[in-house]
Amino acid sequence: MYPLKSSTGIDVLFFAHDANGDPVTGKVDGDWTKNISKTGAAFAAMTVTITERAGGFYLLPLSSVHTNTQGIMTIYLTAAGVKQVNLQFRVWASAFDELAARLPAALVGGRMAAIAEVVGDKTGYAIGVGGIGATSFAAGAIDAAAIAADAIGSSELALSAAQEIADELLKRDMAAVTGEAARSLLNAIRFLRNKWSIAAGTLTVTKEDDSTSAWTGAVTQTAGNPVSAVDPV
């Protein structure tokens, strides 16, 4: 039984022989009676053009119309002087669909790139170093729905990875950050790096352009200590 991909055409060669097992040549399309059954249904006439190749072999070009039903597909062909030709195929979904049926829903929902081969027993299979590259996942393939809560804990995050995250945080240009909260760490650091000024009892700390206000605070002044308190708003 030969596997075929669902709704996909394929050229199949079959051998025609007589009662003695000798090849039969010279048959044309009109000599053949063709019948097909899908998933055990009653046989029906099959629309297809058979062409002789050589040495008793003939070409049967199956189209997506023939393979549009998943399951067992049976074909039998007859012609004068030829022993009945019986062909049977198992029509599958695509290789990726077959694999998807065996994988956790979280992985399938991640829209993995098409996988060329389906393996039966997954025991012992793993993705080696370099097995997943930059183009292995489509945009948005890994999101909150694809990763269970607490799936990545402290033991899964190497020290070097944590250090790289910290390094990138410290090196990130504050101007590239948007949507910060009023009492965020970013706004606190702005007082140390960006322009600030006091006018009419109000402290104004600017954003990275040194002109747009990031936050303001009411300044309290007392004798002998010009600035004794700042109350951010």
C-alpha atoms as a PDB file:
ATOM      1  CA  MET A   1       0.000   0.000   0.000  1.00  0.00           C
ATOM      2  CA  TYR A   2       1.559   3.276  -1.131  1.00  0.00           C
ATOM      3  CA  PRO A   3       1.004   6.511   0.867  1.00  0.00           C
ATOM      4  CA  LEU A   4      -0.218   9.591  -1.007  1.00  0.00           C
ATOM      5  CA  LYS A   5      -0.546  13.168   0.190  1.00  0.00           C
ATOM      6  CA  SER A   6      -4.126  14.384   0.363  1.00  0.00           C
ATOM      7  CA  SER A   7      -5.417  16.531  -2.540  1.00  0.00           C
ATOM      8  CA  THR A   8      -2.105  16.271  -4.384  1.00  0.00           C
ATOM      9  CA  GLY A   9      -1.498  14.887  -7.851  1.00  0.00           C
ATOM     10  CA  ILE A  10       1.114  12.227  -8.575  1.00  0.00           C
ATOM     11  CA  ASP A  11       2.129  10.107 -11.582  1.00  0.00           C
ATOM     12  CA  VAL A  12       1.980   6.358 -10.877  1.00  0.00           C
ATOM     13  CA  LEU A  13       3.494   3.633 -13.068  1.00  0.00           C
ATOM     14  CA  PHE A  14       1.840   0.210 -13.104  1.00  0.00           C
ATOM     15  CA  PHE A  15       2.807  -3.032 -14.847  1.00  0.00           C
ATOM     16  CA  ALA A  16       0.420  -4.848 -17.196  1.00  0.00           C
ATOM     17  CA  HIS A  17       0.941  -8.567 -17.798  1.00  0.00           C
ATOM     18  CA  ASP A  18      -0.981 -11.444 -19.297  1.00  0.00           C
ATOM     19  CA  ALA A  19      -2.018 -14.753 -17.744  1.00  0.00           C
ATOM     20  CA  ASN A  20       1.525 -16.078 -18.170  1.00  0.00           C
ATOM     21  CA  GLY A  21       3.087 -13.083 -16.449  1.00  0.00           C
ATOM     22  CA  ASP A  22       4.494 -11.639 -19.656  1.00  0.00           C
ATOM     23  CA  PRO A  23       4.340  -7.886 -20.238  1.00  0.00           C
ATOM     24  CA  VAL A  24       1.486  -6.603 -22.387  1.00  0.00           C
ATOM     25  CA  THR A  25       2.364  -3.717 -24.681  1.00  0.00           C
ATOM     26  CA  GLY A  26       0.516  -1.598 -27.210  1.00  0.00           C
ATOM     27  CA  LYS A  27      -2.526  -0.755 -25.112  1.00  0.00           C
ATOM     28  CA  VAL A  28      -4.012   2.708 -25.564  1.00  0.00           C
ATOM     29  CA  ASP A  29      -6.172   4.697 -23.170  1.00  0.00           C
ATOM     30  CA  GLY A  30      -9.417   3.563 -24.781  1.00  0.00           C
ATOM     31  CA  ASP A  31      -8.561  -0.101 -24.132  1.00  0.00           C
ATOM     32  CA  TRP A  32      -8.735   0.356 -20.380  1.00  0.00           C
ATOM     33  CA  THR A  33     -11.701   0.260 -18.030  1.00  0.00           C
ATOM     34  CA  LYS A  34     -10.884   2.258 -14.911  1.00  0.00           C
ATOM     35  CA  ASN A  35     -12.628   2.087 -11.537  1.00  0.00           C
ATOM     36  CA  ILE A  36     -11.988   3.815  -8.218  1.00  0.00           C
ATOM     37  CA  SER A  37     -13.268   3.480  -4.645  1.00  0.00           C
ATOM     38  CA  LYS A  38     -12.528   5.929  -1.815  1.00  0.00           C
ATOM     39  CA  THR A  39     -12.678   4.791   1.822  1.00  0.00           C
ATOM     40  CA  GLY A  40     -14.545   1.613   0.927  1.00  0.00           C
ATOM     41  CA  ALA A  41     -17.324   3.265  -1.071  1.00  0.00           C
ATOM     42  CA  ALA A  42     -18.820   1.574  -4.136  1.00  0.00           C
ATOM     43  CA  PHE A  43     -16.562   1.519  -7.196  1.00  0.00           C
ATOM     44  CA  ALA A  44     -17.225   4.201  -9.788  1.00  0.00           C
ATOM     45  CA  ALA A  45     -15.851   4.985 -13.225  1.00  0.00           C
ATOM     46  CA  MET A  46     -12.557   6.838 -13.026  1.00  0.00           C
ATOM     47  CA  THR A  47     -11.701   9.760 -15.292  1.00  0.00           C
ATOM     48  CA  VAL A  48      -8.002   9.524 -16.125  1.00  0.00           C
ATOM     49  CA  THR A  49      -5.860   9.076 -19.260  1.00  0.00           C
ATOM     50  CA  ILE A  50      -3.516   6.086 -19.265  1.00  0.00           C
ATOM     51  CA  THR A  51      -0.369   6.302 -21.405  1.00  0.00           C
ATOM     52  CA  GLU A  52       2.006   3.490 -22.324  1.00  0.00           C
ATOM     53  CA  ARG A  53       5.612   3.927 -21.276  1.00  0.00           C
ATOM     54  CA  ALA A  54       7.728   0.858 -22.139  1.00  0.00           C
ATOM     55  CA  GLY A  55       8.220  -2.806 -21.277  1.00  0.00           C
ATOM     56  CA  GLY A  56       4.642  -3.301 -20.146  1.00  0.00           C
ATOM     57  CA  PHE A  57       4.597  -0.244 -17.909  1.00  0.00           C
ATOM     58  CA  TYR A  58       1.819   2.334 -18.174  1.00  0.00           C
ATOM     59  CA  LEU A  59       1.414   5.771 -16.635  1.00  0.00           C
ATOM     60  CA  LEU A  60      -1.610   6.500 -14.418  1.00  0.00           C
ATOM     61  CA  PRO A  61      -1.650  10.260 -13.640  1.00  0.00           C
ATOM     62  CA  LEU A  62      -3.574  10.725 -10.397  1.00  0.00           C
ATOM     63  CA  SER A  63      -4.856  14.260  -9.775  1.00  0.00           C
ATOM     64  CA  SER A  64      -6.016  16.119  -6.678  1.00  0.00           C
ATOM     65  CA  VAL A  65      -9.577  15.075  -7.602  1.00  0.00           C
ATOM     66  CA  HIS A  66      -8.607  11.438  -7.066  1.00  0.00           C
ATOM     67  CA  THR A  67      -6.781  12.061  -3.766  1.00  0.00           C
ATOM     68  CA  ASN A  68      -9.255  14.496  -2.196  1.00  0.00           C
ATOM     69  CA  THR A  69     -10.518  12.002   0.415  1.00  0.00           C
ATOM     70  CA  GLN A  70      -8.336  10.773   3.252  1.00  0.00           C
ATOM     71  CA  GLY A  71      -8.316   7.044   3.852  1.00  0.00           C
ATOM     72  CA  ILE A  72      -7.849   3.952   1.717  1.00  0.00           C
ATOM     73  CA  MET A  73      -8.198   4.505  -2.046  1.00  0.00           C
ATOM     74  CA  THR A  74      -8.549   1.422  -4.265  1.00  0.00           C
ATOM     75  CA  ILE A  75      -8.242   1.363  -8.053  1.00  0.00           C
ATOM     76  CA  TYR A  76      -8.643  -1.539 -10.439  1.00  0.00           C
ATOM     77  CA  LEU A  77      -7.950  -1.478 -14.173  1.00  0.00           C
ATOM     78  CA  THR A  78      -8.955  -3.999 -16.818  1.00  0.00           C
ATOM     79  CA  ALA A  79      -8.183  -4.454 -20.497  1.00  0.00           C
ATOM     80  CA  ALA A  80      -8.473  -7.323 -22.978  1.00  0.00           C
ATOM     81  CA  GLY A  81      -5.600  -9.782 -22.606  1.00  0.00           C
ATOM     82  CA  VAL A  82      -4.399  -8.163 -19.364  1.00  0.00           C
ATOM     83  CA  LYS A  83      -4.687  -9.609 -15.894  1.00  0.00           C
ATOM     84  CA  GLN A  84      -6.674  -7.198 -13.725  1.00  0.00           C
ATOM     85  CA  VAL A  85      -4.438  -4.494 -12.248  1.00  0.00           C
ATOM     86  CA  ASN A  86      -5.205  -3.753  -8.608  1.00  0.00           C
ATOM     87  CA  LEU A  87      -3.750  -0.658  -6.921  1.00  0.00           C
ATOM     88  CA  GLN A  88      -4.307   0.485  -3.373  1.00  0.00           C
ATOM     89  CA  PHE A  89      -3.158   3.691  -1.676  1.00  0.00           C
ATOM     90  CA  ARG A  90      -3.468   5.272   1.714  1.00  0.00           C
ATOM     91  CA  VAL A  91      -4.288   8.969   1.345  1.00  0.00           C
ATOM     92  CA  TRP A  92      -2.823  11.026   4.188  1.00  0.00           C
ATOM     93  CA  ALA A  93      -2.983  14.630   5.221  1.00  0.00           C
ATOM     94  CA  SER A  94       0.237  16.596   4.779  1.00  0.00           C
ATOM     95  CA  ALA A  95       3.279  15.485   6.736  1.00  0.00           C
ATOM     96  CA  PHE A  96       2.929  18.514   9.022  1.00  0.00           C
ATOM     97  CA  ASP A  97      -0.698  17.700   9.778  1.00  0.00           C
ATOM     98  CA  GLU A  98       0.268  14.148  10.669  1.00  0.00           C
ATOM     99  CA  LEU A  99       2.949  15.424  13.015  1.00  0.00           C
ATOM    100  CA  ALA A 100       0.593  18.022  14.481  1.00  0.00           C
ATOM    101  CA  ALA A 101      -1.795  15.264  15.524  1.00  0.00           C
ATOM    102  CA  ARG A 102       0.974  13.766  17.662  1.00  0.00           C
ATOM    103  CA  LEU A 103       2.409  16.922  19.236  1.00  0.00           C
ATOM    104  CA  PRO A 104       1.135  18.971  22.192  1.00  0.00           C
ATOM    105  CA  ALA A 105      -1.372  21.632  21.232  1.00  0.00           C
ATOM    106  CA  ALA A 106       0.946  24.373  22.490  1.00  0.00           C
ATOM    107  CA  LEU A 107       3.574  23.482  19.897  1.00  0.00           C
ATOM    108  CA  VAL A 108       1.073  23.189  17.078  1.00  0.00           C
ATOM    109  CA  GLY A 109      -0.507  26.507  18.083  1.00  0.00           C
ATOM    110  CA  GLY A 110       2.932  28.014  17.751  1.00  0.00           C
ATOM    111  CA  ARG A 111       2.691  27.592  13.976  1.00  0.00           C
ATOM    112  CA  MET A 112       5.896  25.591  13.546  1.00  0.00           C
ATOM    113  CA  ALA A 113       7.537  25.625  10.142  1.00  0.00           C
ATOM    114  CA  ALA A 114       6.620  22.626   7.956  1.00  0.00           C
ATOM    115  CA  ILE A 115       8.463  19.445   8.969  1.00  0.00           C
ATOM    116  CA  ALA A 116       9.603  17.145   6.191  1.00  0.00           C
ATOM    117  CA  GLU A 117       9.255  13.761   7.865  1.00  0.00           C
ATOM    118  CA  VAL A 118       6.945  12.245  10.444  1.00  0.00           C
ATOM    119  CA  VAL A 119       8.638   9.915  12.913  1.00  0.00           C
ATOM    120  CA  GLY A 120       6.600   7.280  14.674  1.00  0.00           C
ATOM    121  CA  ASP A 121       8.251   6.897  18.103  1.00  0.00           C
ATOM    122  CA  LYS A 122       9.360  10.248  19.570  1.00  0.00           C
ATOM    123  CA  THR A 123      11.237   8.596  22.481  1.00  0.00           C
ATOM    124  CA  GLY A 124      14.798   9.841  22.610  1.00  0.00           C
ATOM    125  CA  TYR A 125      14.323  12.556  19.991  1.00  0.00           C
ATOM    126  CA  ALA A 126      15.568  16.017  20.897  1.00  0.00           C
ATOM    127  CA  ILE A 127      16.539  19.257  19.202  1.00  0.00           C
ATOM    128  CA  GLY A 128      20.308  19.542  19.192  1.00  0.00           C
ATOM    129  CA  VAL A 129      22.497  22.619  19.429  1.00  0.00           C
ATOM    130  CA  GLY A 130      21.770  24.872  16.480  1.00  0.00           C
ATOM    131  CA  GLY A 131      18.666  22.874  15.606  1.00  0.00           C
ATOM    132  CA  ILE A 132      16.411  25.917  15.783  1.00  0.00           C
ATOM    133  CA  GLY A 133      17.566  28.945  13.840  1.00  0.00           C
ATOM    134  CA  ALA A 134      16.400  32.510  13.420  1.00  0.00           C
ATOM    135  CA  THR A 135      13.950  31.530  10.676  1.00  0.00           C
ATOM    136  CA  SER A 136      12.528  28.405  12.340  1.00  0.00           C
ATOM    137  CA  PHE A 137       9.537  30.232  13.822  1.00  0.00           C
ATOM    138  CA  ALA A 138       7.180  32.677  12.169  1.00  0.00           C
ATOM    139  CA  ALA A 139       6.499  36.075  13.718  1.00  0.00           C
ATOM    140  CA  GLY A 140       4.386  35.619  16.850  1.00  0.00           C
ATOM    141  CA  ALA A 141       5.011  31.861  16.934  1.00  0.00           C
ATOM    142  CA  ILE A 142       6.128  31.976  20.553  1.00  0.00           C
ATOM    143  CA  ASP A 143       3.681  33.921  22.715  1.00  0.00           C
ATOM    144  CA  ALA A 144       2.034  33.710  26.126  1.00  0.00           C
ATOM    145  CA  ALA A 145      -0.435  31.090  24.908  1.00  0.00           C
ATOM    146  CA  ALA A 146       2.379  28.843  23.655  1.00  0.00           C
ATOM    147  CA  ILE A 147       4.304  28.810  26.953  1.00  0.00           C
ATOM    148  CA  ALA A 148       2.616  27.544  30.097  1.00  0.00           C
ATOM    149  CA  ALA A 149       2.771  29.554  33.308  1.00  0.00           C
ATOM    150  CA  ASP A 150       6.069  28.976  35.181  1.00  0.00           C
ATOM    151  CA  ALA A 151       7.431  26.955  32.250  1.00  0.00           C
ATOM    152  CA  ILE A 152      10.647  28.969  32.404  1.00  0.00           C
ATOM    153  CA  GLY A 153      12.001  29.163  35.947  1.00  0.00           C
ATOM    154  CA  SER A 154      15.270  30.215  37.532  1.00  0.00           C
ATOM    155  CA  SER A 155      16.898  26.861  36.797  1.00  0.00           C
ATOM    156  CA  GLU A 156      16.111  27.212  33.064  1.00  0.00           C
ATOM    157  CA  LEU A 157      17.648  30.701  32.850  1.00  0.00           C
ATOM    158  CA  ALA A 158      21.434  30.463  32.869  1.00  0.00           C
ATOM    159  CA  LEU A 159      23.473  33.061  34.751  1.00  0.00           C
ATOM    160  CA  SER A 160      25.048  34.231  31.505  1.00  0.00           C
ATOM    161  CA  ALA A 161      21.574  34.828  30.029  1.00  0.00           C
ATOM    162  CA  ALA A 162      20.502  36.842  33.063  1.00  0.00           C
ATOM    163  CA  GLN A 163      23.700  38.900  32.820  1.00  0.00           C
ATOM    164  CA  GLU A 164      23.112  39.592  29.140  1.00  0.00           C
ATOM    165  CA  ILE A 165      19.581  40.788  29.923  1.00  0.00           C
ATOM    166  CA  ALA A 166      20.948  43.095  32.637  1.00  0.00           C
ATOM    167  CA  ASP A 167      23.670  44.404  30.319  1.00  0.00           C
ATOM    168  CA  GLU A 168      21.171  45.219  27.593  1.00  0.00           C
ATOM    169  CA  LEU A 169      18.930  46.953  30.140  1.00  0.00           C
ATOM    170  CA  LEU A 170      21.782  49.165  31.313  1.00  0.00           C
ATOM    171  CA  LYS A 171      22.892  49.979  27.759  1.00  0.00           C
ATOM    172  CA  ARG A 172      19.452  50.672  26.316  1.00  0.00           C
ATOM    173  CA  ASP A 173      18.855  54.213  25.129  1.00  0.00           C
ATOM    174  CA  MET A 174      16.134  55.724  27.334  1.00  0.00           C
ATOM    175  CA  ALA A 175      14.812  57.589  24.295  1.00  0.00           C
ATOM    176  CA  ALA A 176      13.753  54.241  22.789  1.00  0.00           C
ATOM    177  CA  VAL A 177      11.382  53.468  25.679  1.00  0.00           C
ATOM    178  CA  THR A 178       7.737  54.547  25.455  1.00  0.00           C
ATOM    179  CA  GLY A 179       4.602  54.075  27.541  1.00  0.00           C
ATOM    180  CA  GLU A 180       6.346  54.324  30.915  1.00  0.00           C
ATOM    181  CA  ALA A 181       4.358  54.754  34.138  1.00  0.00           C
ATOM    182  CA  ALA A 182       4.570  57.998  36.093  1.00  0.00           C
ATOM    183  CA  ARG A 183       6.511  56.412  38.962  1.00  0.00           C
ATOM    184  CA  SER A 184       8.677  54.137  36.818  1.00  0.00           C
ATOM    185  CA  LEU A 185      12.399  53.483  37.152  1.00  0.00           C
ATOM    186  CA  LEU A 186      12.883  55.300  33.865  1.00  0.00           C
ATOM    187  CA  ASN A 187      11.383  58.511  35.256  1.00  0.00           C
ATOM    188  CA  ALA A 188      13.538  58.211  38.364  1.00  0.00           C
ATOM    189  CA  ILE A 189      16.718  57.900  36.286  1.00  0.00           C
ATOM    190  CA  ARG A 190      15.738  60.855  34.124  1.00  0.00           C
ATOM    191  CA  PHE A 191      16.408  63.160  37.054  1.00  0.00           C
ATOM    192  CA  LEU A 192      20.055  61.964  37.074  1.00  0.00           C
ATOM    193  CA  ARG A 193      20.709  62.235  33.333  1.00  0.00           C
ATOM    194  CA  ASN A 194      18.257  64.648  31.679  1.00  0.00           C
ATOM    195  CA  LYS A 195      17.751  68.370  31.999  1.00  0.00           C
ATOM    196  CA  TRP A 196      15.726  69.587  34.982  1.00  0.00           C
ATOM    197  CA  SER A 197      14.827  73.038  36.237  1.00  0.00           C
ATOM    198  CA  ILE A 198      12.943  74.792  39.017  1.00  0.00           C
ATOM    199  CA  ALA A 199      10.641  77.734  38.291  1.00  0.00           C
ATOM    200  CA  ALA A 200       7.913  79.289  40.438  1.00  0.00           C
ATOM    201  CA  GLY A 201       8.127  76.497  42.988  1.00  0.00           C
ATOM    202  CA  THR A 202       7.845  73.647  40.459  1.00  0.00           C
ATOM    203  CA  LEU A 203      10.552  71.160  39.487  1.00  0.00           C
ATOM    204  CA  THR A 204      10.342  69.984  35.877  1.00  0.00           C
ATOM    205  CA  VAL A 205      12.305  66.908  34.757  1.00  0.00           C
ATOM    206  CA  THR A 206      12.447  66.523  30.991  1.00  0.00           C
ATOM    207  CA  LYS A 207      12.496  63.570  28.662  1.00  0.00           C
ATOM    208  CA  GLU A 208      15.514  62.666  26.542  1.00  0.00           C
ATOM    209  CA  ASP A 209      15.026  65.621  24.195  1.00  0.00           C
ATOM    210  CA  ASP A 210      15.703  67.894  27.222  1.00  0.00           C
ATOM    211  CA  SER A 211      12.580  69.908  26.473  1.00  0.00           C
ATOM    212  CA  THR A 212       9.460  67.741  26.842  1.00  0.00           C
ATOM    213  CA  SER A 213       8.293  67.374  30.421  1.00  0.00           C
ATOM    214  CA  ALA A 214       8.547  63.872  31.867  1.00  0.00           C
ATOM    215  CA  TRP A 215       7.330  64.717  35.357  1.00  0.00           C
ATOM    216  CA  THR A 216       6.986  67.679  37.682  1.00  0.00           C
ATOM    217  CA  GLY A 217       7.069  68.175  41.430  1.00  0.00           C
ATOM    218  CA  ALA A 218       6.145  70.915  43.873  1.00  0.00           C
ATOM    219  CA  VAL A 219       9.282  72.352  45.497  1.00  0.00           C
ATOM    220  CA  THR A 220       9.228  73.324  49.176  1.00  0.00           C
ATOM    221  CA  GLN A 221      11.763  75.991  50.230  1.00  0.00           C
ATOM    222  CA  THR A 222      12.819  76.923  53.757  1.00  0.00           C
ATOM    223  CA  ALA A 223      15.241  79.456  55.184  1.00  0.00           C
ATOM    224  CA  GLY A 224      18.870  78.314  55.067  1.00  0.00           C
ATOM    225  CA  ASN A 225      17.982  75.402  52.770  1.00  0.00           C
ATOM    226  CA  PRO A 226      16.667  76.759  49.494  1.00  0.00           C
ATOM    227  CA  VAL A 227      15.259  73.357  48.461  1.00  0.00           C
ATOM    228  CA  SER A 228      14.061  71.169  51.313  1.00  0.00           C
ATOM    229  CA  ALA A 229      11.559  68.902  49.566  1.00  0.00           C
ATOM    230  CA  VAL A 230      10.207  67.916  46.143  1.00  0.00           C
ATOM    231  CA  ASP A 231       6.713  66.441  45.786  1.00  0.00           C
ATOM    232  CA  PRO A 232       6.324  64.708  42.371  1.00  0.00           C
ATOM    233  CA  VAL A 233       2.968  64.813  40.618  1.00  0.00           C
END
